[in-house]
PDB file of all heavy atoms in Angstrom:
ATOM      1  N   LYS A   1       6.930   5.146   2.441  1.00  0.00           N
ATOM      2  CA  LYS A   1       7.576   6.275   1.754  1.00  0.00           C
ATOM      3  C   LYS A   1       7.918   7.398   2.735  1.00  0.00           C
ATOM      4  O   LYS A   1       8.858   8.156   2.517  1.00  0.00           O
ATOM      5  CB  LYS A   1       6.670   6.813   0.645  1.00  0.00           C
ATOM      6  CG  LYS A   1       6.529   5.855  -0.521  1.00  0.00           C
ATOM      7  CD  LYS A   1       5.555   6.390  -1.553  1.00  0.00           C
ATOM      8  CE  LYS A   1       5.337   5.385  -2.677  1.00  0.00           C
ATOM      9  NZ  LYS A   1       4.300   5.819  -3.613  1.00  0.00           N
ATOM     10  N   ASP A   2       7.160   7.491   3.836  1.00  0.00           N
ATOM     11  CA  ASP A   2       7.423   8.516   4.851  1.00  0.00           C
ATOM     12  C   ASP A   2       8.566   8.138   5.789  1.00  0.00           C
ATOM     13  O   ASP A   2       8.970   8.940   6.622  1.00  0.00           O
ATOM     14  CB  ASP A   2       6.160   8.769   5.680  1.00  0.00           C
ATOM     15  CG  ASP A   2       5.036   9.393   4.865  1.00  0.00           C
ATOM     16  OD1 ASP A   2       5.334  10.041   3.835  1.00  0.00           O
ATOM     17  OD2 ASP A   2       3.865   9.234   5.262  1.00  0.00           O
ATOM     18  N   TYR A   3       9.066   6.912   5.677  1.00  0.00           N
ATOM     19  CA  TYR A   3      10.112   6.419   6.565  1.00  0.00           C
ATOM     20  C   TYR A   3      11.228   5.771   5.740  1.00  0.00           C
ATOM     21  O   TYR A   3      11.443   4.559   5.793  1.00  0.00           O
ATOM     22  CB  TYR A   3       9.529   5.414   7.567  1.00  0.00           C
ATOM     23  CG  TYR A   3       8.427   6.015   8.407  1.00  0.00           C
ATOM     24  CD1 TYR A   3       7.090   5.937   8.012  1.00  0.00           C
ATOM     25  CD2 TYR A   3       8.739   6.692   9.583  1.00  0.00           C
ATOM     26  CE1 TYR A   3       6.087   6.502   8.772  1.00  0.00           C
ATOM     27  CE2 TYR A   3       7.741   7.265  10.356  1.00  0.00           C
ATOM     28  CZ  TYR A   3       6.419   7.160   9.939  1.00  0.00           C
ATOM     29  OH  TYR A   3       5.433   7.733  10.698  1.00  0.00           O
ATOM     30  N   PRO A   4      11.998   6.564   5.015  1.00  0.00           N
ATOM     31  CA  PRO A   4      13.036   5.990   4.135  1.00  0.00           C
ATOM     32  C   PRO A   4      14.142   5.256   4.892  1.00  0.00           C
ATOM     33  O   PRO A   4      14.842   4.426   4.305  1.00  0.00           O
ATOM     34  CB  PRO A   4      13.583   7.215   3.394  1.00  0.00           C
ATOM     35  CG  PRO A   4      13.236   8.376   4.254  1.00  0.00           C
ATOM     36  CD  PRO A   4      11.967   8.019   4.965  1.00  0.00           C
ATOM     37  N   GLU A   5      14.290   5.516   6.179  1.00  0.00           N
ATOM     38  CA  GLU A   5      15.325   4.843   6.963  1.00  0.00           C
ATOM     39  C   GLU A   5      14.947   3.398   7.303  1.00  0.00           C
ATOM     40  O   GLU A   5      15.786   2.621   7.775  1.00  0.00           O
ATOM     41  CB  GLU A   5      15.635   5.632   8.246  1.00  0.00           C
ATOM     42  CG  GLU A   5      14.537   5.615   9.293  1.00  0.00           C
ATOM     43  CD  GLU A   5      13.395   6.603   9.059  1.00  0.00           C
ATOM     44  OE1 GLU A   5      13.313   7.244   7.998  1.00  0.00           O
ATOM     45  OE2 GLU A   5      12.567   6.745   9.978  1.00  0.00           O
ATOM     46  N   ILE A   6      13.694   3.033   7.064  1.00  0.00           N
ATOM     47  CA  ILE A   6      13.224   1.678   7.337  1.00  0.00           C
ATOM     48  C   ILE A   6      13.133   0.915   6.019  1.00  0.00           C
ATOM     49  O   ILE A   6      12.534   1.380   5.061  1.00  0.00           O
ATOM     50  CB  ILE A   6      11.851   1.694   8.039  1.00  0.00           C
ATOM     51  CG1 ILE A   6      11.976   2.379   9.403  1.00  0.00           C
ATOM     52  CG2 ILE A   6      11.307   0.273   8.191  1.00  0.00           C
ATOM     53  CD1 ILE A   6      10.661   2.555  10.122  1.00  0.00           C
ATOM     54  N   THR A   7      13.723  -0.264   6.005  1.00  0.00           N
ATOM     55  CA  THR A   7      13.680  -1.102   4.807  1.00  0.00           C
ATOM     56  C   THR A   7      12.367  -1.871   4.770  1.00  0.00           C
ATOM     57  O   THR A   7      12.041  -2.587   5.720  1.00  0.00           O
ATOM     58  CB  THR A   7      14.847  -2.111   4.808  1.00  0.00           C
ATOM     59  OG1 THR A   7      16.066  -1.379   4.884  1.00  0.00           O
ATOM     60  CG2 THR A   7      14.835  -2.967   3.563  1.00  0.00           C
ATOM     61  N   LEU A   8      11.638  -1.706   3.697  1.00  0.00           N
ATOM     62  CA  LEU A   8      10.386  -2.436   3.503  1.00  0.00           C
ATOM     63  C   LEU A   8      10.659  -3.607   2.582  1.00  0.00           C
ATOM     64  O   LEU A   8      11.198  -3.439   1.481  1.00  0.00           O
ATOM     65  CB  LEU A   8       9.314  -1.540   2.878  1.00  0.00           C
ATOM     66  CG  LEU A   8       8.023  -2.247   2.462  1.00  0.00           C
ATOM     67  CD1 LEU A   8       7.243  -2.704   3.697  1.00  0.00           C
ATOM     68  CD2 LEU A   8       7.172  -1.325   1.616  1.00  0.00           C
ATOM     69  N   LEU A   9      10.324  -4.791   3.029  1.00  0.00           N
ATOM     70  CA  LEU A   9      10.479  -5.978   2.210  1.00  0.00           C
ATOM     71  C   LEU A   9       9.129  -6.672   2.160  1.00  0.00           C
ATOM     72  O   LEU A   9       8.640  -7.159   3.178  1.00  0.00           O
ATOM     73  CB  LEU A   9      11.533  -6.910   2.805  1.00  0.00           C
ATOM     74  CG  LEU A   9      11.789  -8.219   2.077  1.00  0.00           C
ATOM     75  CD1 LEU A   9      12.252  -7.950   0.637  1.00  0.00           C
ATOM     76  CD2 LEU A   9      12.836  -9.021   2.806  1.00  0.00           C
ATOM     77  N   GLU A  10       8.521  -6.682   0.998  1.00  0.00           N
ATOM     78  CA  GLU A  10       7.213  -7.312   0.836  1.00  0.00           C
ATOM     79  C   GLU A  10       7.416  -8.768   0.427  1.00  0.00           C
ATOM     80  O   GLU A  10       8.215  -9.070  -0.454  1.00  0.00           O
ATOM     81  CB  GLU A  10       6.421  -6.571  -0.247  1.00  0.00           C
ATOM     82  CG  GLU A  10       5.015  -7.074  -0.424  1.00  0.00           C
ATOM     83  CD  GLU A  10       4.258  -6.325  -1.504  1.00  0.00           C
ATOM     84  OE1 GLU A  10       4.838  -5.445  -2.161  1.00  0.00           O
ATOM     85  OE2 GLU A  10       3.088  -6.652  -1.708  1.00  0.00           O
ATOM     86  N   MET A  11       6.714  -9.673   1.117  1.00  0.00           N
ATOM     87  CA  MET A  11       6.800 -11.087   0.739  1.00  0.00           C
ATOM     88  C   MET A  11       5.479 -11.781   1.031  1.00  0.00           C
ATOM     89  O   MET A  11       4.701 -11.329   1.869  1.00  0.00           O
ATOM     90  CB  MET A  11       7.962 -11.792   1.431  1.00  0.00           C
ATOM     91  CG  MET A  11       7.922 -11.829   2.936  1.00  0.00           C
ATOM     92  SD  MET A  11       9.303 -12.753   3.695  1.00  0.00           S
ATOM     93  CE  MET A  11      10.701 -11.722   3.360  1.00  0.00           C
ATOM     94  N   LEU A  12       5.242 -12.861   0.318  1.00  0.00           N
ATOM     95  CA  LEU A  12       4.054 -13.675   0.543  1.00  0.00           C
ATOM     96  C   LEU A  12       4.165 -14.354   1.905  1.00  0.00           C
ATOM     97  O   LEU A  12       5.277 -14.624   2.384  1.00  0.00           O
ATOM     98  CB  LEU A  12       3.913 -14.724  -0.555  1.00  0.00           C
ATOM     99  CG  LEU A  12       3.731 -14.174  -1.972  1.00  0.00           C
ATOM    100  CD1 LEU A  12       3.803 -15.306  -2.986  1.00  0.00           C
ATOM    101  CD2 LEU A  12       2.414 -13.418  -2.086  1.00  0.00           C
ATOM    102  N   VAL A  13       3.030 -14.660   2.517  1.00  0.00           N
ATOM    103  CA  VAL A  13       3.050 -15.229   3.859  1.00  0.00           C
ATOM    104  C   VAL A  13       3.768 -16.577   3.897  1.00  0.00           C
ATOM    105  O   VAL A  13       4.474 -16.874   4.863  1.00  0.00           O
ATOM    106  CB  VAL A  13       1.636 -15.328   4.468  1.00  0.00           C
ATOM    107  CG1 VAL A  13       0.800 -16.374   3.743  1.00  0.00           C
ATOM    108  CG2 VAL A  13       1.713 -15.617   5.954  1.00  0.00           C
ATOM    109  N   ASP A  14       3.647 -17.399   2.871  1.00  0.00           N
ATOM    110  CA  ASP A  14       4.343 -18.687   2.893  1.00  0.00           C
ATOM    111  C   ASP A  14       5.858 -18.495   2.805  1.00  0.00           C
ATOM    112  O   ASP A  14       6.626 -19.205   3.461  1.00  0.00           O
ATOM    113  CB  ASP A  14       3.832 -19.639   1.818  1.00  0.00           C
ATOM    114  CG  ASP A  14       3.873 -19.070   0.413  1.00  0.00           C
ATOM    115  OD1 ASP A  14       3.957 -17.839   0.261  1.00  0.00           O
ATOM    116  OD2 ASP A  14       3.822 -19.868  -0.536  1.00  0.00           O
ATOM    117  N   THR A  15       6.301 -17.506   2.053  1.00  0.00           N
ATOM    118  CA  THR A  15       7.725 -17.190   1.984  1.00  0.00           C
ATOM    119  C   THR A  15       8.204 -16.651   3.327  1.00  0.00           C
ATOM    120  O   THR A  15       9.274 -17.026   3.817  1.00  0.00           O
ATOM    121  CB  THR A  15       7.996 -16.161   0.871  1.00  0.00           C
ATOM    122  OG1 THR A  15       7.517 -16.678  -0.361  1.00  0.00           O
ATOM    123  CG2 THR A  15       9.470 -15.840   0.764  1.00  0.00           C
ATOM    124  N   CYS A  16       7.407 -15.786   3.928  1.00  0.00           N
ATOM    125  CA  CYS A  16       7.759 -15.227   5.233  1.00  0.00           C
ATOM    126  C   CYS A  16       7.864 -16.339   6.278  1.00  0.00           C
ATOM    127  O   CYS A  16       8.791 -16.356   7.086  1.00  0.00           O
ATOM    128  CB  CYS A  16       6.728 -14.179   5.648  1.00  0.00           C
ATOM    129  SG  CYS A  16       7.156 -13.297   7.150  1.00  0.00           S
ATOM    130  N   ALA A  17       6.928 -17.286   6.248  1.00  0.00           N
ATOM    131  CA  ALA A  17       6.966 -18.405   7.188  1.00  0.00           C
ATOM    132  C   ALA A  17       8.245 -19.215   7.011  1.00  0.00           C
ATOM    133  O   ALA A  17       8.894 -19.596   7.995  1.00  0.00           O
ATOM    134  CB  ALA A  17       5.730 -19.288   6.991  1.00  0.00           C
ATOM    135  N   MET A  18       8.617 -19.474   5.770  1.00  0.00           N
ATOM    136  CA  MET A  18       9.841 -20.221   5.498  1.00  0.00           C
ATOM    137  C   MET A  18      11.070 -19.440   5.987  1.00  0.00           C
ATOM    138  O   MET A  18      11.953 -19.988   6.641  1.00  0.00           O
ATOM    139  CB  MET A  18       9.980 -20.500   3.999  1.00  0.00           C
ATOM    140  CG  MET A  18      11.243 -21.249   3.633  1.00  0.00           C
ATOM    141  SD  MET A  18      11.554 -21.286   1.862  1.00  0.00           S
ATOM    142  CE  MET A  18      11.913 -19.580   1.517  1.00  0.00           C
ATOM    143  N   GLU A  19      11.105 -18.136   5.679  1.00  0.00           N
ATOM    144  CA  GLU A  19      12.250 -17.312   6.084  1.00  0.00           C
ATOM    145  C   GLU A  19      12.327 -17.174   7.607  1.00  0.00           C
ATOM    146  O   GLU A  19      13.409 -17.081   8.179  1.00  0.00           O
ATOM    147  CB  GLU A  19      12.166 -15.931   5.435  1.00  0.00           C
ATOM    148  CG  GLU A  19      12.458 -15.951   3.951  1.00  0.00           C
ATOM    149  CD  GLU A  19      13.899 -16.346   3.651  1.00  0.00           C
ATOM    150  OE1 GLU A  19      14.815 -15.918   4.385  1.00  0.00           O
ATOM    151  OE2 GLU A  19      14.107 -17.082   2.669  1.00  0.00           O
ATOM    152  N   LEU A  20      11.180 -17.177   8.262  1.00  0.00           N
ATOM    153  CA  LEU A  20      11.150 -17.098   9.724  1.00  0.00           C
ATOM    154  C   LEU A  20      11.809 -18.321  10.339  1.00  0.00           C
ATOM    155  O   LEU A  20      12.485 -18.226  11.362  1.00  0.00           O
ATOM    156  CB  LEU A  20       9.706 -16.953  10.208  1.00  0.00           C
ATOM    157  CG  LEU A  20       9.473 -16.606  11.657  1.00  0.00           C
ATOM    158  CD1 LEU A  20      10.173 -15.300  12.030  1.00  0.00           C
ATOM    159  CD2 LEU A  20       7.977 -16.482  11.927  1.00  0.00           C
ATOM    160  N   VAL A  21      11.659 -19.475   9.710  1.00  0.00           N
ATOM    161  CA  VAL A  21      12.311 -20.698  10.183  1.00  0.00           C
ATOM    162  C   VAL A  21      13.774 -20.724   9.758  1.00  0.00           C
ATOM    163  O   VAL A  21      14.651 -21.056  10.533  1.00  0.00           O
ATOM    164  CB  VAL A  21      11.577 -21.950   9.633  1.00  0.00           C
ATOM    165  CG1 VAL A  21      12.362 -23.214   9.922  1.00  0.00           C
ATOM    166  CG2 VAL A  21      10.184 -22.033  10.231  1.00  0.00           C
ATOM    167  N   ARG A  22      14.044 -20.340   8.507  1.00  0.00           N
ATOM    168  CA  ARG A  22      15.398 -20.415   7.949  1.00  0.00           C
ATOM    169  C   ARG A  22      16.352 -19.431   8.597  1.00  0.00           C
ATOM    170  O   ARG A  22      17.486 -19.778   8.932  1.00  0.00           O
ATOM    171  CB  ARG A  22      15.350 -20.158   6.438  1.00  0.00           C
ATOM    172  CG  ARG A  22      16.660 -20.433   5.719  1.00  0.00           C
ATOM    173  CD  ARG A  22      16.605 -20.034   4.250  1.00  0.00           C
ATOM    174  NE  ARG A  22      16.525 -18.590   4.067  1.00  0.00           N
ATOM    175  CZ  ARG A  22      17.554 -17.746   4.199  1.00  0.00           C
ATOM    176  NH1 ARG A  22      18.738 -18.192   4.526  1.00  0.00           N
ATOM    177  NH2 ARG A  22      17.392 -16.454   4.012  1.00  0.00           N
ATOM    178  N   ALA A  23      15.915 -18.186   8.763  1.00  0.00           N
ATOM    179  CA  ALA A  23      16.805 -17.143   9.282  1.00  0.00           C
ATOM    180  C   ALA A  23      15.991 -16.110  10.077  1.00  0.00           C
ATOM    181  O   ALA A  23      15.780 -14.987   9.618  1.00  0.00           O
ATOM    182  CB  ALA A  23      17.547 -16.475   8.131  1.00  0.00           C
ATOM    183  N   PRO A  24      15.520 -16.458  11.256  1.00  0.00           N
ATOM    184  CA  PRO A  24      14.660 -15.550  12.022  1.00  0.00           C
ATOM    185  C   PRO A  24      15.327 -14.229  12.397  1.00  0.00           C
ATOM    186  O   PRO A  24      14.653 -13.211  12.576  1.00  0.00           O
ATOM    187  CB  PRO A  24      14.296 -16.355  13.272  1.00  0.00           C
ATOM    188  CG  PRO A  24      15.345 -17.397  13.387  1.00  0.00           C
ATOM    189  CD  PRO A  24      15.792 -17.695  11.978  1.00  0.00           C
ATOM    190  N   GLU A  25      16.656 -14.223  12.475  1.00  0.00           N
ATOM    191  CA  GLU A  25      17.366 -13.001  12.873  1.00  0.00           C
ATOM    192  C   GLU A  25      17.223 -11.873  11.862  1.00  0.00           C
ATOM    193  O   GLU A  25      17.484 -10.711  12.178  1.00  0.00           O
ATOM    194  CB  GLU A  25      18.850 -13.295  13.128  1.00  0.00           C
ATOM    195  CG  GLU A  25      19.645 -13.665  11.885  1.00  0.00           C
ATOM    196  CD  GLU A  25      19.495 -15.108  11.413  1.00  0.00           C
ATOM    197  OE1 GLU A  25      18.805 -15.917  12.071  1.00  0.00           O
ATOM    198  OE2 GLU A  25      20.092 -15.428  10.363  1.00  0.00           O
ATOM    199  N   GLN A  26      16.764 -12.167  10.659  1.00  0.00           N
ATOM    200  CA  GLN A  26      16.612 -11.123   9.647  1.00  0.00           C
ATOM    201  C   GLN A  26      15.396 -10.240   9.914  1.00  0.00           C
ATOM    202  O   GLN A  26      15.283  -9.172   9.336  1.00  0.00           O
ATOM    203  CB  GLN A  26      16.523 -11.730   8.252  1.00  0.00           C
ATOM    204  CG  GLN A  26      15.221 -12.489   7.979  1.00  0.00           C
ATOM    205  CD  GLN A  26      15.163 -13.103   6.626  1.00  0.00           C
ATOM    206  OE1 GLN A  26      15.161 -12.394   5.632  1.00  0.00           O
ATOM    207  NE2 GLN A  26      15.134 -14.429   6.567  1.00  0.00           N
ATOM    208  N   PHE A  27      14.509 -10.671  10.801  1.00  0.00           N
ATOM    209  CA  PHE A  27      13.295  -9.915  11.072  1.00  0.00           C
ATOM    210  C   PHE A  27      13.409  -9.139  12.378  1.00  0.00           C
ATOM    211  O   PHE A  27      13.764  -9.695  13.409  1.00  0.00           O
ATOM    212  CB  PHE A  27      12.081 -10.850  11.181  1.00  0.00           C
ATOM    213  CG  PHE A  27      11.765 -11.575   9.911  1.00  0.00           C
ATOM    214  CD1 PHE A  27      12.141 -12.896   9.744  1.00  0.00           C
ATOM    215  CD2 PHE A  27      11.096 -10.926   8.888  1.00  0.00           C
ATOM    216  CE1 PHE A  27      11.850 -13.573   8.575  1.00  0.00           C
ATOM    217  CE2 PHE A  27      10.801 -11.593   7.710  1.00  0.00           C
ATOM    218  CZ  PHE A  27      11.182 -12.920   7.552  1.00  0.00           C
ATOM    219  N   GLU A  28      13.113  -7.865  12.297  1.00  0.00           N
ATOM    220  CA  GLU A  28      13.006  -7.062  13.511  1.00  0.00           C
ATOM    221  C   GLU A  28      11.530  -6.835  13.827  1.00  0.00           C
ATOM    222  O   GLU A  28      11.108  -6.935  14.966  1.00  0.00           O
ATOM    223  CB  GLU A  28      13.724  -5.731  13.321  1.00  0.00           C
ATOM    224  CG  GLU A  28      13.848  -4.951  14.595  1.00  0.00           C
ATOM    225  CD  GLU A  28      14.758  -3.749  14.430  1.00  0.00           C
ATOM    226  OE1 GLU A  28      15.680  -3.782  13.602  1.00  0.00           O
ATOM    227  OE2 GLU A  28      14.522  -2.763  15.137  1.00  0.00           O
ATOM    228  N   VAL A  29      10.763  -6.523  12.796  1.00  0.00           N
ATOM    229  CA  VAL A  29       9.321  -6.304  12.922  1.00  0.00           C
ATOM    230  C   VAL A  29       8.647  -6.927  11.706  1.00  0.00           C
ATOM    231  O   VAL A  29       9.138  -6.797  10.590  1.00  0.00           O
ATOM    232  CB  VAL A  29       8.983  -4.791  12.970  1.00  0.00           C
ATOM    233  CG1 VAL A  29       7.481  -4.566  12.971  1.00  0.00           C
ATOM    234  CG2 VAL A  29       9.627  -4.138  14.189  1.00  0.00           C
ATOM    235  N   ILE A  30       7.535  -7.605  11.931  1.00  0.00           N
ATOM    236  CA  ILE A  30       6.726  -8.118  10.830  1.00  0.00           C
ATOM    237  C   ILE A  30       5.373  -7.420  10.916  1.00  0.00           C
ATOM    238  O   ILE A  30       4.720  -7.448  11.957  1.00  0.00           O
ATOM    239  CB  ILE A  30       6.544  -9.651  10.912  1.00  0.00           C
ATOM    240  CG1 ILE A  30       7.891 -10.348  10.773  1.00  0.00           C
ATOM    241  CG2 ILE A  30       5.558 -10.123   9.834  1.00  0.00           C
ATOM    242  CD1 ILE A  30       7.832 -11.858  10.972  1.00  0.00           C
ATOM    243  N   VAL A  31       4.987  -6.779   9.837  1.00  0.00           N
ATOM    244  CA  VAL A  31       3.706  -6.073   9.779  1.00  0.00           C
ATOM    245  C   VAL A  31       2.837  -6.825   8.790  1.00  0.00           C
ATOM    246  O   VAL A  31       3.226  -7.021   7.636  1.00  0.00           O
ATOM    247  CB  VAL A  31       3.893  -4.607   9.319  1.00  0.00           C
ATOM    248  CG1 VAL A  31       2.552  -3.894   9.241  1.00  0.00           C
ATOM    249  CG2 VAL A  31       4.838  -3.876  10.263  1.00  0.00           C
ATOM    250  N   THR A  32       1.674  -7.262   9.241  1.00  0.00           N
ATOM    251  CA  THR A  32       0.813  -8.074   8.388  1.00  0.00           C
ATOM    252  C   THR A  32      -0.639  -7.959   8.835  1.00  0.00           C
ATOM    253  O   THR A  32      -0.947  -7.274   9.806  1.00  0.00           O
ATOM    254  CB  THR A  32       1.296  -9.544   8.407  1.00  0.00           C
ATOM    255  OG1 THR A  32       0.571 -10.289   7.438  1.00  0.00           O
ATOM    256  CG2 THR A  32       1.142 -10.173   9.770  1.00  0.00           C
ATOM    257  N   THR A  33      -1.494  -8.644   8.124  1.00  0.00           N
ATOM    258  CA  THR A  33      -2.912  -8.662   8.483  1.00  0.00           C
ATOM    259  C   THR A  33      -3.127  -9.606   9.664  1.00  0.00           C
ATOM    260  O   THR A  33      -2.242 -10.386  10.024  1.00  0.00           O
ATOM    261  CB  THR A  33      -3.762  -9.130   7.285  1.00  0.00           C
ATOM    262  OG1 THR A  33      -3.323 -10.429   6.903  1.00  0.00           O
ATOM    263  CG2 THR A  33      -3.643  -8.169   6.112  1.00  0.00           C
ATOM    264  N   ASN A  34      -4.296  -9.552  10.249  1.00  0.00           N
ATOM    265  CA  ASN A  34      -4.603 -10.333  11.445  1.00  0.00           C
ATOM    266  C   ASN A  34      -4.422 -11.835  11.234  1.00  0.00           C
ATOM    267  O   ASN A  34      -3.761 -12.506  12.026  1.00  0.00           O
ATOM    268  CB  ASN A  34      -6.033 -10.027  11.899  1.00  0.00           C
ATOM    269  CG  ASN A  34      -6.344 -10.659  13.229  1.00  0.00           C
ATOM    270  OD1 ASN A  34      -5.573 -10.568  14.161  1.00  0.00           O
ATOM    271  ND2 ASN A  34      -7.486 -11.327  13.311  1.00  0.00           N
ATOM    272  N   LEU A  35      -4.985 -12.378  10.175  1.00  0.00           N
ATOM    273  CA  LEU A  35      -4.893 -13.823   9.942  1.00  0.00           C
ATOM    274  C   LEU A  35      -3.448 -14.266   9.757  1.00  0.00           C
ATOM    275  O   LEU A  35      -2.985 -15.203  10.413  1.00  0.00           O
ATOM    276  CB  LEU A  35      -5.717 -14.226   8.715  1.00  0.00           C
ATOM    277  CG  LEU A  35      -5.581 -15.697   8.294  1.00  0.00           C
ATOM    278  CD1 LEU A  35      -6.092 -16.630   9.395  1.00  0.00           C
ATOM    279  CD2 LEU A  35      -6.332 -15.945   6.998  1.00  0.00           C
ATOM    280  N   PHE A  36      -2.708 -13.583   8.880  1.00  0.00           N
ATOM    281  CA  PHE A  36      -1.325 -13.969   8.650  1.00  0.00           C
ATOM    282  C   PHE A  36      -0.481 -13.721   9.896  1.00  0.00           C
ATOM    283  O   PHE A  36       0.437 -14.477  10.197  1.00  0.00           O
ATOM    284  CB  PHE A  36      -0.748 -13.240   7.449  1.00  0.00           C
ATOM    285  CG  PHE A  36      -1.370 -13.647   6.134  1.00  0.00           C
ATOM    286  CD1 PHE A  36      -1.317 -12.810   5.051  1.00  0.00           C
ATOM    287  CD2 PHE A  36      -2.002 -14.877   5.986  1.00  0.00           C
ATOM    288  CE1 PHE A  36      -1.878 -13.181   3.832  1.00  0.00           C
ATOM    289  CE2 PHE A  36      -2.569 -15.256   4.782  1.00  0.00           C
ATOM    290  CZ  PHE A  36      -2.502 -14.414   3.699  1.00  0.00           C
ATOM    291  N   GLY A  37      -0.771 -12.655  10.626  1.00  0.00           N
ATOM    292  CA  GLY A  37      -0.049 -12.385  11.867  1.00  0.00           C
ATOM    293  C   GLY A  37      -0.255 -13.485  12.882  1.00  0.00           C
ATOM    294  O   GLY A  37       0.679 -13.882  13.593  1.00  0.00           O
TER     295      GLY A  37
END
């Protein structure tokens, strides 16, 4: 909320893993917990 210029997209780790393979260029930064990271 303090950074409105940044788009926050929340997704489950399995969805993120799939999207990382399908279209990795959509990610600039991934913020997650240690295990999922």
